[in-house]
Amino acid sequence: MEYLVTMTTHVPDGTPDEKVADVRARESAHSSELAAQGHLLRLWRPPLGPGEWRSIGLFAAGDEAQLEQVLASMPLRVWRTDEVTPLSLHPNDPGRHAKDGATEFLTTFTIAIPDGTPEQLVADTKALEAQRAKELAAQGHLLRLWRLPAGGPDALGLWRASDITEMQAILKSLPLDVWMTEEITPLTAHPSDPARLGK
């Protein structure tokens, strides 16, 4: 099973710089080990404010208990809180990995189909959405797509685009856009990302 984990680190005031550097070095080495074991799939940095220290990771584990063991094994966990979102298969997921040369984005989608919309129109629009997802995957824009747990957004997407303007245009091209609200998070490279390290 795959999980999206937002990791927020708060180093206690007064912690010596040497200790911080040691923990970060051990975290980087352990991240490589977790990637080799197939637990750490991707690692990104979201936009950060002054003094913020956050990463977003895509992890694989047999269940939440195994994921907790993986997260607890990471050296930065002594200063970190983790927000875990379980991900499930989406029928339009292309299962692609990132390539160099473009910015990656995470998007969440919430779909609200108006009451009284004909069922055939909904079915036809979903079929067009699946076709468009295949086209965007073939073009290298759509990398992954997951369903999210009930009670929040419906789906999570991982995308590539040249910039935010192109990313917004890509989302507007989706047939379900007329019923959808999206949130876009631009991502930057993380030095321990397995994709960068060729894992």
N, C-alpha and C. Protein backbone atom coordinates (compact mmCIF):
# COMPACT_ATOMS: atom_id res chain seq x y z
N MET A 1 0.84 -1.17 0.00
CA MET A 1 0.00 0.00 0.00
C MET A 1 0.89 1.24 0.00
N GLU A 2 0.39 2.33 -0.61
CA GLU A 2 1.16 3.56 -0.66
C GLU A 2 0.56 4.60 0.27
N TYR A 3 1.44 5.46 0.79
CA TYR A 3 1.05 6.50 1.74
C TYR A 3 1.76 7.79 1.40
N LEU A 4 1.04 8.90 1.53
CA LEU A 4 1.66 10.21 1.43
C LEU A 4 1.89 10.70 2.85
N VAL A 5 3.12 11.10 3.15
CA VAL A 5 3.46 11.51 4.51
C VAL A 5 4.05 12.92 4.47
N THR A 6 3.39 13.83 5.16
CA THR A 6 3.93 15.19 5.34
C THR A 6 4.71 15.20 6.64
N MET A 7 6.00 15.47 6.54
CA MET A 7 6.91 15.39 7.68
C MET A 7 7.35 16.80 8.07
N THR A 8 7.04 17.22 9.29
CA THR A 8 7.39 18.55 9.78
C THR A 8 8.36 18.42 10.94
N THR A 9 9.51 19.06 10.80
CA THR A 9 10.58 18.93 11.78
C THR A 9 10.70 20.22 12.59
N HIS A 10 10.78 20.08 13.90
CA HIS A 10 10.99 21.21 14.82
C HIS A 10 12.22 20.88 15.66
N VAL A 11 13.36 21.47 15.32
CA VAL A 11 14.58 21.26 16.09
C VAL A 11 14.49 22.12 17.35
N PRO A 12 14.66 21.52 18.53
CA PRO A 12 14.57 22.30 19.78
C PRO A 12 15.59 23.44 19.82
N ASP A 13 15.15 24.57 20.34
CA ASP A 13 16.07 25.70 20.51
C ASP A 13 17.28 25.26 21.33
N GLY A 14 18.43 25.76 20.94
CA GLY A 14 19.65 25.45 21.67
C GLY A 14 20.34 24.17 21.24
N THR A 15 19.76 23.43 20.29
CA THR A 15 20.40 22.20 19.81
C THR A 15 21.67 22.59 19.05
N PRO A 16 22.82 22.00 19.41
CA PRO A 16 24.07 22.37 18.74
C PRO A 16 24.01 22.06 17.23
N ASP A 17 24.61 22.94 16.42
CA ASP A 17 24.63 22.75 14.97
C ASP A 17 25.25 21.41 14.58
N GLU A 18 26.25 20.97 15.34
CA GLU A 18 26.92 19.70 15.02
C GLU A 18 25.94 18.53 15.17
N LYS A 19 25.08 18.60 16.20
CA LYS A 19 24.10 17.52 16.39
C LYS A 19 23.08 17.52 15.25
N VAL A 20 22.62 18.72 14.86
CA VAL A 20 21.67 18.82 13.74
C VAL A 20 22.30 18.24 12.48
N ALA A 21 23.55 18.60 12.20
CA ALA A 21 24.23 18.11 11.01
C ALA A 21 24.39 16.59 11.05
N ASP A 22 24.67 16.04 12.23
CA ASP A 22 24.83 14.58 12.37
C ASP A 22 23.50 13.87 12.10
N VAL A 23 22.42 14.39 12.69
CA VAL A 23 21.11 13.74 12.49
C VAL A 23 20.70 13.84 11.03
N ARG A 24 20.93 14.98 10.40
CA ARG A 24 20.56 15.13 8.98
C ARG A 24 21.38 14.18 8.10
N ALA A 25 22.65 14.00 8.41
CA ALA A 25 23.48 13.08 7.63
C ALA A 25 23.00 11.64 7.79
N ARG A 26 22.64 11.26 9.02
CA ARG A 26 22.12 9.91 9.24
C ARG A 26 20.76 9.73 8.57
N GLU A 27 19.93 10.79 8.56
CA GLU A 27 18.63 10.74 7.88
C GLU A 27 18.81 10.49 6.39
N SER A 28 19.76 11.19 5.79
CA SER A 28 20.02 11.03 4.35
C SER A 28 20.47 9.61 4.03
N ALA A 29 21.39 9.08 4.84
CA ALA A 29 21.87 7.72 4.61
C ALA A 29 20.75 6.70 4.79
N HIS A 30 19.93 6.91 5.82
CA HIS A 30 18.83 5.96 6.08
C HIS A 30 17.76 6.05 4.99
N SER A 31 17.55 7.26 4.46
CA SER A 31 16.59 7.41 3.36
C SER A 31 17.01 6.56 2.16
N SER A 32 18.31 6.53 1.89
CA SER A 32 18.81 5.69 0.79
C SER A 32 18.54 4.22 1.07
N GLU A 33 18.70 3.80 2.34
CA GLU A 33 18.42 2.41 2.70
C GLU A 33 16.93 2.10 2.52
N LEU A 34 16.07 3.02 2.96
CA LEU A 34 14.63 2.80 2.81
C LEU A 34 14.22 2.76 1.35
N ALA A 35 14.87 3.56 0.51
CA ALA A 35 14.59 3.52 -0.93
C ALA A 35 15.00 2.16 -1.51
N ALA A 36 16.18 1.68 -1.10
CA ALA A 36 16.65 0.39 -1.59
C ALA A 36 15.73 -0.75 -1.16
N GLN A 37 15.10 -0.61 0.01
CA GLN A 37 14.17 -1.62 0.51
C GLN A 37 12.78 -1.50 -0.12
N GLY A 38 12.56 -0.42 -0.89
CA GLY A 38 11.27 -0.23 -1.54
C GLY A 38 10.23 0.49 -0.69
N HIS A 39 10.65 1.05 0.46
CA HIS A 39 9.70 1.74 1.33
C HIS A 39 9.58 3.23 0.98
N LEU A 40 10.69 3.88 0.66
CA LEU A 40 10.66 5.30 0.30
C LEU A 40 10.69 5.40 -1.22
N LEU A 41 9.57 5.86 -1.80
CA LEU A 41 9.46 5.91 -3.26
C LEU A 41 9.86 7.27 -3.83
N ARG A 42 9.42 8.34 -3.18
CA ARG A 42 9.73 9.71 -3.62
C ARG A 42 9.82 10.61 -2.39
N LEU A 43 10.51 11.75 -2.57
CA LEU A 43 10.67 12.71 -1.50
C LEU A 43 10.75 14.10 -2.12
N TRP A 44 9.91 15.04 -1.60
CA TRP A 44 9.90 16.39 -2.16
C TRP A 44 9.91 17.41 -1.04
N ARG A 45 10.17 18.68 -1.46
CA ARG A 45 10.00 19.82 -0.56
C ARG A 45 8.85 20.67 -1.09
N PRO A 46 7.83 20.94 -0.27
CA PRO A 46 6.77 21.87 -0.68
C PRO A 46 7.26 23.30 -0.48
N PRO A 47 6.49 24.30 -0.91
CA PRO A 47 6.90 25.67 -0.60
C PRO A 47 7.01 25.86 0.91
N LEU A 48 8.05 26.55 1.34
CA LEU A 48 8.31 26.73 2.77
C LEU A 48 8.36 28.20 3.14
N GLY A 49 7.84 28.51 4.32
CA GLY A 49 7.97 29.85 4.86
C GLY A 49 9.26 29.95 5.66
N PRO A 50 9.60 31.14 6.14
CA PRO A 50 10.81 31.31 6.94
C PRO A 50 10.80 30.40 8.17
N GLY A 51 11.89 29.68 8.35
CA GLY A 51 12.02 28.81 9.51
C GLY A 51 11.30 27.48 9.41
N GLU A 52 10.54 27.24 8.33
CA GLU A 52 9.83 25.96 8.19
C GLU A 52 10.78 24.89 7.68
N TRP A 53 10.55 23.67 8.14
CA TRP A 53 11.36 22.53 7.73
C TRP A 53 10.40 21.37 7.50
N ARG A 54 9.95 21.22 6.25
CA ARG A 54 8.97 20.19 5.91
C ARG A 54 9.39 19.44 4.66
N SER A 55 8.99 18.18 4.60
CA SER A 55 9.17 17.34 3.42
C SER A 55 7.88 16.56 3.20
N ILE A 56 7.66 16.16 1.95
CA ILE A 56 6.54 15.28 1.62
C ILE A 56 7.13 14.02 1.02
N GLY A 57 6.75 12.89 1.57
CA GLY A 57 7.29 11.61 1.10
C GLY A 57 6.19 10.69 0.62
N LEU A 58 6.52 9.93 -0.41
CA LEU A 58 5.64 8.85 -0.88
C LEU A 58 6.28 7.54 -0.42
N PHE A 59 5.56 6.82 0.43
CA PHE A 59 6.09 5.60 1.04
C PHE A 59 5.24 4.39 0.64
N ALA A 60 5.85 3.22 0.68
CA ALA A 60 5.15 1.95 0.48
C ALA A 60 5.37 1.08 1.71
N ALA A 61 4.28 0.46 2.17
CA ALA A 61 4.36 -0.45 3.32
C ALA A 61 3.19 -1.41 3.24
N GLY A 62 3.33 -2.54 3.91
CA GLY A 62 2.27 -3.55 3.91
C GLY A 62 1.00 -3.08 4.57
N ASP A 63 1.16 -2.25 5.63
CA ASP A 63 0.01 -1.71 6.34
C ASP A 63 0.50 -0.53 7.17
N GLU A 64 -0.42 0.09 7.93
CA GLU A 64 -0.04 1.28 8.69
C GLU A 64 0.94 0.95 9.80
N ALA A 65 0.86 -0.24 10.36
CA ALA A 65 1.80 -0.63 11.42
C ALA A 65 3.21 -0.71 10.86
N GLN A 66 3.37 -1.30 9.68
CA GLN A 66 4.70 -1.36 9.07
C GLN A 66 5.19 0.03 8.69
N LEU A 67 4.28 0.88 8.19
CA LEU A 67 4.67 2.24 7.87
C LEU A 67 5.18 2.96 9.11
N GLU A 68 4.50 2.79 10.23
CA GLU A 68 4.95 3.43 11.47
C GLU A 68 6.34 2.96 11.85
N GLN A 69 6.63 1.67 11.66
CA GLN A 69 7.98 1.17 11.94
C GLN A 69 9.00 1.85 11.03
N VAL A 70 8.65 2.01 9.76
CA VAL A 70 9.55 2.68 8.81
C VAL A 70 9.80 4.12 9.24
N LEU A 71 8.73 4.85 9.54
CA LEU A 71 8.87 6.25 9.92
C LEU A 71 9.64 6.40 11.24
N ALA A 72 9.37 5.50 12.20
CA ALA A 72 10.06 5.56 13.50
C ALA A 72 11.55 5.26 13.37
N SER A 73 11.93 4.56 12.31
CA SER A 73 13.35 4.23 12.11
C SER A 73 14.17 5.40 11.57
N MET A 74 13.51 6.47 11.16
CA MET A 74 14.22 7.60 10.55
C MET A 74 14.80 8.50 11.64
N PRO A 75 16.09 8.84 11.56
CA PRO A 75 16.73 9.62 12.62
C PRO A 75 16.04 10.95 12.95
N LEU A 76 15.49 11.65 11.97
CA LEU A 76 14.84 12.94 12.24
C LEU A 76 13.53 12.80 13.01
N ARG A 77 13.04 11.58 13.18
CA ARG A 77 11.76 11.37 13.86
C ARG A 77 11.80 11.90 15.29
N VAL A 78 12.99 12.03 15.89
CA VAL A 78 13.08 12.55 17.26
C VAL A 78 12.58 13.98 17.34
N TRP A 79 12.62 14.71 16.21
CA TRP A 79 12.20 16.10 16.19
C TRP A 79 11.01 16.33 15.26
N ARG A 80 10.42 15.26 14.76
CA ARG A 80 9.49 15.39 13.65
C ARG A 80 8.10 14.89 14.02
N THR A 81 7.08 15.52 13.41
CA THR A 81 5.72 14.99 13.46
C THR A 81 5.33 14.62 12.04
N ASP A 82 4.59 13.54 11.89
CA ASP A 82 4.21 13.03 10.58
C ASP A 82 2.70 13.03 10.43
N GLU A 83 2.24 13.48 9.28
CA GLU A 83 0.83 13.42 8.93
C GLU A 83 0.69 12.41 7.79
N VAL A 84 0.02 11.30 8.04
CA VAL A 84 -0.06 10.19 7.09
C VAL A 84 -1.41 10.18 6.40
N THR A 85 -1.37 10.07 5.06
CA THR A 85 -2.59 9.92 4.27
C THR A 85 -2.49 8.61 3.49
N PRO A 86 -3.33 7.62 3.81
CA PRO A 86 -3.30 6.38 3.02
C PRO A 86 -3.86 6.64 1.62
N LEU A 87 -3.24 6.03 0.64
CA LEU A 87 -3.64 6.19 -0.76
C LEU A 87 -4.14 4.86 -1.30
N SER A 88 -5.15 4.91 -2.13
CA SER A 88 -5.65 3.68 -2.76
C SER A 88 -5.63 3.84 -4.28
N LEU A 89 -5.75 2.73 -4.96
CA LEU A 89 -5.64 2.74 -6.42
C LEU A 89 -6.72 3.59 -7.05
N HIS A 90 -6.33 4.30 -8.10
CA HIS A 90 -7.27 5.09 -8.89
C HIS A 90 -7.31 4.45 -10.28
N PRO A 91 -8.48 4.31 -10.88
CA PRO A 91 -8.55 3.63 -12.18
C PRO A 91 -7.78 4.34 -13.30
N ASN A 92 -7.51 5.64 -13.15
CA ASN A 92 -6.79 6.39 -14.19
C ASN A 92 -5.31 6.56 -13.90
N ASP A 93 -4.79 5.86 -12.88
CA ASP A 93 -3.37 6.01 -12.51
C ASP A 93 -2.47 5.41 -13.58
N PRO A 94 -1.55 6.22 -14.15
CA PRO A 94 -0.65 5.67 -15.18
C PRO A 94 0.57 4.96 -14.60
N GLY A 95 0.89 5.19 -13.30
CA GLY A 95 2.02 4.51 -12.68
C GLY A 95 3.36 4.89 -13.25
N ARG A 96 3.55 6.18 -13.63
CA ARG A 96 4.81 6.64 -14.22
C ARG A 96 5.68 7.30 -13.17
N HIS A 97 6.99 7.32 -13.46
CA HIS A 97 7.93 8.01 -12.59
C HIS A 97 8.40 9.29 -13.27
N ALA A 98 8.87 10.22 -12.45
CA ALA A 98 9.26 11.53 -12.95
C ALA A 98 10.52 11.45 -13.82
N LYS A 99 10.61 12.39 -14.73
CA LYS A 99 11.81 12.57 -15.53
C LYS A 99 12.30 13.99 -15.29
N ASP A 100 13.56 14.23 -15.63
CA ASP A 100 14.12 15.56 -15.45
C ASP A 100 13.51 16.54 -16.43
N GLY A 101 13.66 17.85 -16.11
CA GLY A 101 13.31 18.87 -17.07
C GLY A 101 12.00 19.59 -16.84
N ALA A 102 11.29 19.29 -15.78
CA ALA A 102 10.03 19.99 -15.52
C ALA A 102 9.79 20.01 -14.01
N THR A 103 8.91 20.90 -13.60
CA THR A 103 8.53 20.99 -12.19
C THR A 103 7.45 19.95 -11.91
N GLU A 104 7.50 19.39 -10.72
CA GLU A 104 6.46 18.46 -10.30
C GLU A 104 5.47 19.20 -9.40
N PHE A 105 4.22 18.74 -9.45
CA PHE A 105 3.15 19.33 -8.67
C PHE A 105 2.30 18.22 -8.07
N LEU A 106 1.85 18.43 -6.83
CA LEU A 106 0.81 17.59 -6.26
C LEU A 106 -0.50 18.36 -6.35
N THR A 107 -1.56 17.66 -6.71
CA THR A 107 -2.87 18.29 -6.76
C THR A 107 -3.87 17.43 -6.01
N THR A 108 -4.78 18.10 -5.32
CA THR A 108 -5.93 17.39 -4.76
C THR A 108 -7.17 17.85 -5.50
N PHE A 109 -8.09 16.92 -5.69
CA PHE A 109 -9.32 17.19 -6.43
C PHE A 109 -10.52 16.87 -5.56
N THR A 110 -11.48 17.77 -5.56
CA THR A 110 -12.77 17.52 -4.92
C THR A 110 -13.84 17.66 -6.00
N ILE A 111 -14.62 16.60 -6.20
CA ILE A 111 -15.64 16.61 -7.25
C ILE A 111 -17.02 16.76 -6.61
N ALA A 112 -17.77 17.73 -7.10
CA ALA A 112 -19.14 17.98 -6.62
C ALA A 112 -20.06 18.03 -7.83
N ILE A 113 -20.73 16.92 -8.10
CA ILE A 113 -21.65 16.84 -9.23
C ILE A 113 -23.00 17.40 -8.78
N PRO A 114 -23.50 18.41 -9.50
CA PRO A 114 -24.77 19.02 -9.07
C PRO A 114 -25.92 18.01 -9.04
N ASP A 115 -26.79 18.16 -8.05
CA ASP A 115 -27.99 17.33 -7.97
C ASP A 115 -28.80 17.48 -9.26
N GLY A 116 -29.33 16.37 -9.72
CA GLY A 116 -30.16 16.40 -10.92
C GLY A 116 -29.38 16.23 -12.21
N THR A 117 -28.05 16.10 -12.12
CA THR A 117 -27.27 15.88 -13.34
C THR A 117 -27.60 14.49 -13.88
N PRO A 118 -27.94 14.37 -15.16
CA PRO A 118 -28.28 13.06 -15.71
C PRO A 118 -27.15 12.04 -15.54
N GLU A 119 -27.52 10.83 -15.17
CA GLU A 119 -26.52 9.78 -14.94
C GLU A 119 -25.69 9.51 -16.18
N GLN A 120 -26.31 9.57 -17.36
CA GLN A 120 -25.57 9.31 -18.60
C GLN A 120 -24.51 10.38 -18.83
N LEU A 121 -24.83 11.64 -18.51
CA LEU A 121 -23.85 12.72 -18.65
C LEU A 121 -22.67 12.49 -17.71
N VAL A 122 -22.95 12.06 -16.49
CA VAL A 122 -21.88 11.77 -15.53
C VAL A 122 -21.00 10.64 -16.06
N ALA A 123 -21.63 9.56 -16.54
CA ALA A 123 -20.87 8.40 -17.06
C ALA A 123 -20.03 8.81 -18.27
N ASP A 124 -20.61 9.59 -19.17
CA ASP A 124 -19.88 10.02 -20.37
C ASP A 124 -18.70 10.91 -19.99
N THR A 125 -18.91 11.81 -19.03
CA THR A 125 -17.84 12.72 -18.61
C THR A 125 -16.71 11.95 -17.94
N LYS A 126 -17.05 10.95 -17.13
CA LYS A 126 -16.02 10.13 -16.48
C LYS A 126 -15.23 9.33 -17.52
N ALA A 127 -15.90 8.87 -18.57
CA ALA A 127 -15.20 8.14 -19.64
C ALA A 127 -14.24 9.08 -20.37
N LEU A 128 -14.68 10.30 -20.63
CA LEU A 128 -13.81 11.29 -21.27
C LEU A 128 -12.63 11.64 -20.36
N GLU A 129 -12.88 11.70 -19.06
CA GLU A 129 -11.82 11.98 -18.09
C GLU A 129 -10.75 10.89 -18.13
N ALA A 130 -11.17 9.63 -18.18
CA ALA A 130 -10.22 8.51 -18.26
C ALA A 130 -9.37 8.60 -19.53
N GLN A 131 -10.01 8.95 -20.64
CA GLN A 131 -9.28 9.09 -21.90
C GLN A 131 -8.28 10.23 -21.83
N ARG A 132 -8.71 11.36 -21.25
CA ARG A 132 -7.82 12.53 -21.13
C ARG A 132 -6.65 12.21 -20.21
N ALA A 133 -6.89 11.45 -19.14
CA ALA A 133 -5.81 11.05 -18.23
C ALA A 133 -4.77 10.23 -18.98
N LYS A 134 -5.21 9.33 -19.85
CA LYS A 134 -4.27 8.53 -20.65
C LYS A 134 -3.45 9.42 -21.57
N GLU A 135 -4.08 10.41 -22.18
CA GLU A 135 -3.37 11.34 -23.07
C GLU A 135 -2.32 12.13 -22.29
N LEU A 136 -2.70 12.63 -21.12
CA LEU A 136 -1.76 13.41 -20.32
C LEU A 136 -0.63 12.56 -19.79
N ALA A 137 -0.91 11.30 -19.49
CA ALA A 137 0.15 10.38 -19.07
C ALA A 137 1.11 10.12 -20.23
N ALA A 138 0.58 9.91 -21.43
CA ALA A 138 1.43 9.67 -22.60
C ALA A 138 2.31 10.88 -22.90
N GLN A 139 1.81 12.08 -22.60
CA GLN A 139 2.58 13.31 -22.82
C GLN A 139 3.59 13.57 -21.69
N GLY A 140 3.57 12.75 -20.65
CA GLY A 140 4.49 12.91 -19.53
C GLY A 140 4.04 13.90 -18.47
N HIS A 141 2.79 14.35 -18.55
CA HIS A 141 2.30 15.31 -17.55
C HIS A 141 1.73 14.63 -16.32
N LEU A 142 0.94 13.59 -16.50
CA LEU A 142 0.34 12.87 -15.38
C LEU A 142 1.23 11.69 -15.03
N LEU A 143 1.79 11.73 -13.79
CA LEU A 143 2.70 10.67 -13.36
C LEU A 143 1.99 9.61 -12.52
N ARG A 144 1.19 10.07 -11.56
CA ARG A 144 0.48 9.14 -10.68
C ARG A 144 -0.86 9.74 -10.30
N LEU A 145 -1.81 8.87 -9.91
CA LEU A 145 -3.13 9.30 -9.48
C LEU A 145 -3.63 8.31 -8.44
N TRP A 146 -4.11 8.84 -7.31
CA TRP A 146 -4.59 7.99 -6.23
C TRP A 146 -5.94 8.47 -5.74
N ARG A 147 -6.71 7.57 -5.13
CA ARG A 147 -7.92 7.93 -4.41
C ARG A 147 -7.53 8.23 -2.97
N LEU A 148 -8.23 9.20 -2.36
CA LEU A 148 -7.98 9.58 -0.97
C LEU A 148 -9.10 9.06 -0.07
N PRO A 149 -8.82 8.94 1.23
CA PRO A 149 -9.86 8.47 2.16
C PRO A 149 -11.07 9.41 2.14
N ALA A 150 -12.22 8.86 2.45
CA ALA A 150 -13.46 9.65 2.48
C ALA A 150 -13.36 10.75 3.53
N GLY A 151 -14.09 11.83 3.28
CA GLY A 151 -14.12 12.92 4.23
C GLY A 151 -13.29 14.11 3.85
N GLY A 152 -12.58 14.02 2.75
CA GLY A 152 -11.75 15.13 2.27
C GLY A 152 -11.79 15.17 0.77
N PRO A 153 -10.70 15.66 0.15
CA PRO A 153 -10.65 15.61 -1.31
C PRO A 153 -10.79 14.18 -1.82
N ASP A 154 -11.21 14.03 -3.07
CA ASP A 154 -11.47 12.71 -3.64
C ASP A 154 -10.22 12.02 -4.18
N ALA A 155 -9.30 12.83 -4.75
CA ALA A 155 -8.15 12.23 -5.42
C ALA A 155 -6.91 13.11 -5.26
N LEU A 156 -5.76 12.47 -5.41
CA LEU A 156 -4.45 13.12 -5.34
C LEU A 156 -3.70 12.79 -6.62
N GLY A 157 -3.13 13.80 -7.27
CA GLY A 157 -2.38 13.59 -8.50
C GLY A 157 -0.96 14.09 -8.37
N LEU A 158 -0.04 13.42 -9.05
CA LEU A 158 1.35 13.87 -9.18
C LEU A 158 1.57 14.18 -10.65
N TRP A 159 2.01 15.40 -10.96
CA TRP A 159 2.09 15.91 -12.32
C TRP A 159 3.44 16.52 -12.62
N ARG A 160 3.73 16.72 -13.91
CA ARG A 160 4.90 17.47 -14.39
C ARG A 160 4.39 18.53 -15.35
N ALA A 161 4.93 19.75 -15.20
CA ALA A 161 4.61 20.83 -16.12
C ALA A 161 5.75 21.83 -16.10
N SER A 162 5.81 22.66 -17.13
CA SER A 162 6.92 23.62 -17.20
C SER A 162 6.81 24.69 -16.12
N ASP A 163 5.58 25.05 -15.74
CA ASP A 163 5.36 26.05 -14.70
C ASP A 163 3.91 25.97 -14.23
N ILE A 164 3.56 26.84 -13.27
CA ILE A 164 2.23 26.81 -12.69
C ILE A 164 1.15 27.13 -13.73
N THR A 165 1.48 28.02 -14.68
CA THR A 165 0.50 28.38 -15.71
C THR A 165 0.15 27.17 -16.57
N GLU A 166 1.16 26.40 -16.98
CA GLU A 166 0.88 25.20 -17.76
C GLU A 166 0.12 24.18 -16.92
N MET A 167 0.47 24.08 -15.62
CA MET A 167 -0.23 23.13 -14.75
C MET A 167 -1.70 23.49 -14.65
N GLN A 168 -2.01 24.76 -14.50
CA GLN A 168 -3.40 25.19 -14.42
C GLN A 168 -4.14 24.90 -15.73
N ALA A 169 -3.47 25.12 -16.85
CA ALA A 169 -4.09 24.84 -18.15
C ALA A 169 -4.37 23.35 -18.32
N ILE A 170 -3.46 22.52 -17.85
CA ILE A 170 -3.65 21.06 -17.93
C ILE A 170 -4.90 20.66 -17.14
N LEU A 171 -5.03 21.20 -15.94
CA LEU A 171 -6.19 20.85 -15.12
C LEU A 171 -7.48 21.35 -15.75
N LYS A 172 -7.46 22.53 -16.35
CA LYS A 172 -8.65 23.06 -17.02
C LYS A 172 -9.05 22.18 -18.21
N SER A 173 -8.10 21.41 -18.76
CA SER A 173 -8.42 20.56 -19.91
C SER A 173 -9.11 19.26 -19.51
N LEU A 174 -9.22 19.00 -18.20
CA LEU A 174 -9.86 17.77 -17.75
C LEU A 174 -11.38 17.88 -17.89
N PRO A 175 -12.03 16.89 -18.46
CA PRO A 175 -13.48 16.95 -18.62
C PRO A 175 -14.25 17.15 -17.31
N LEU A 176 -13.73 16.61 -16.20
CA LEU A 176 -14.41 16.77 -14.92
C LEU A 176 -14.19 18.15 -14.29
N ASP A 177 -13.38 18.99 -14.93
CA ASP A 177 -13.06 20.30 -14.36
C ASP A 177 -14.32 21.11 -14.04
N VAL A 178 -15.37 20.94 -14.82
CA VAL A 178 -16.60 21.72 -14.59
C VAL A 178 -17.23 21.42 -13.22
N TRP A 179 -16.91 20.26 -12.64
CA TRP A 179 -17.46 19.87 -11.34
C TRP A 179 -16.39 19.76 -10.26
N MET A 180 -15.20 20.27 -10.54
CA MET A 180 -14.07 19.96 -9.70
C MET A 180 -13.44 21.24 -9.15
N THR A 181 -13.00 21.16 -7.89
CA THR A 181 -12.11 22.19 -7.34
C THR A 181 -10.77 21.51 -7.07
N GLU A 182 -9.70 22.25 -7.35
CA GLU A 182 -8.36 21.69 -7.21
C GLU A 182 -7.51 22.55 -6.30
N GLU A 183 -6.55 21.92 -5.66
CA GLU A 183 -5.51 22.63 -4.92
C GLU A 183 -4.17 22.14 -5.48
N ILE A 184 -3.31 23.07 -5.86
CA ILE A 184 -2.03 22.75 -6.49
C ILE A 184 -0.90 23.09 -5.53
N THR A 185 0.01 22.13 -5.33
CA THR A 185 1.20 22.35 -4.50
C THR A 185 2.44 22.14 -5.37
N PRO A 186 3.19 23.22 -5.67
CA PRO A 186 4.43 23.03 -6.43
C PRO A 186 5.49 22.36 -5.54
N LEU A 187 6.29 21.51 -6.14
CA LEU A 187 7.30 20.75 -5.41
C LEU A 187 8.69 21.09 -5.93
N THR A 188 9.66 21.03 -5.05
CA THR A 188 11.05 21.19 -5.47
C THR A 188 11.82 19.94 -5.08
N ALA A 189 12.98 19.78 -5.68
CA ALA A 189 13.79 18.58 -5.46
C ALA A 189 14.24 18.49 -4.01
N HIS A 190 14.26 17.29 -3.51
CA HIS A 190 14.80 16.99 -2.18
C HIS A 190 16.10 16.22 -2.41
N PRO A 191 17.17 16.55 -1.68
CA PRO A 191 18.45 15.87 -1.93
C PRO A 191 18.42 14.36 -1.71
N SER A 192 17.46 13.88 -0.90
CA SER A 192 17.37 12.43 -0.65
C SER A 192 16.29 11.74 -1.47
N ASP A 193 15.72 12.42 -2.46
CA ASP A 193 14.67 11.82 -3.29
C ASP A 193 15.25 10.63 -4.06
N PRO A 194 14.65 9.44 -3.91
CA PRO A 194 15.15 8.27 -4.65
C PRO A 194 15.18 8.46 -6.16
N ALA A 195 14.26 9.26 -6.71
CA ALA A 195 14.26 9.49 -8.16
C ALA A 195 15.52 10.25 -8.59
N ARG A 196 15.96 11.19 -7.76
CA ARG A 196 17.19 11.94 -8.07
C ARG A 196 18.42 11.05 -7.95
N LEU A 197 18.37 10.15 -6.98
CA LEU A 197 19.52 9.30 -6.72
C LEU A 197 19.55 8.06 -7.58
N GLY A 198 18.54 7.91 -8.45
CA GLY A 198 18.50 6.76 -9.35
C GLY A 198 18.16 5.47 -8.66
N LYS A 199 17.43 5.53 -7.55
CA LYS A 199 17.07 4.31 -6.82
C LYS A 199 15.94 3.59 -7.51
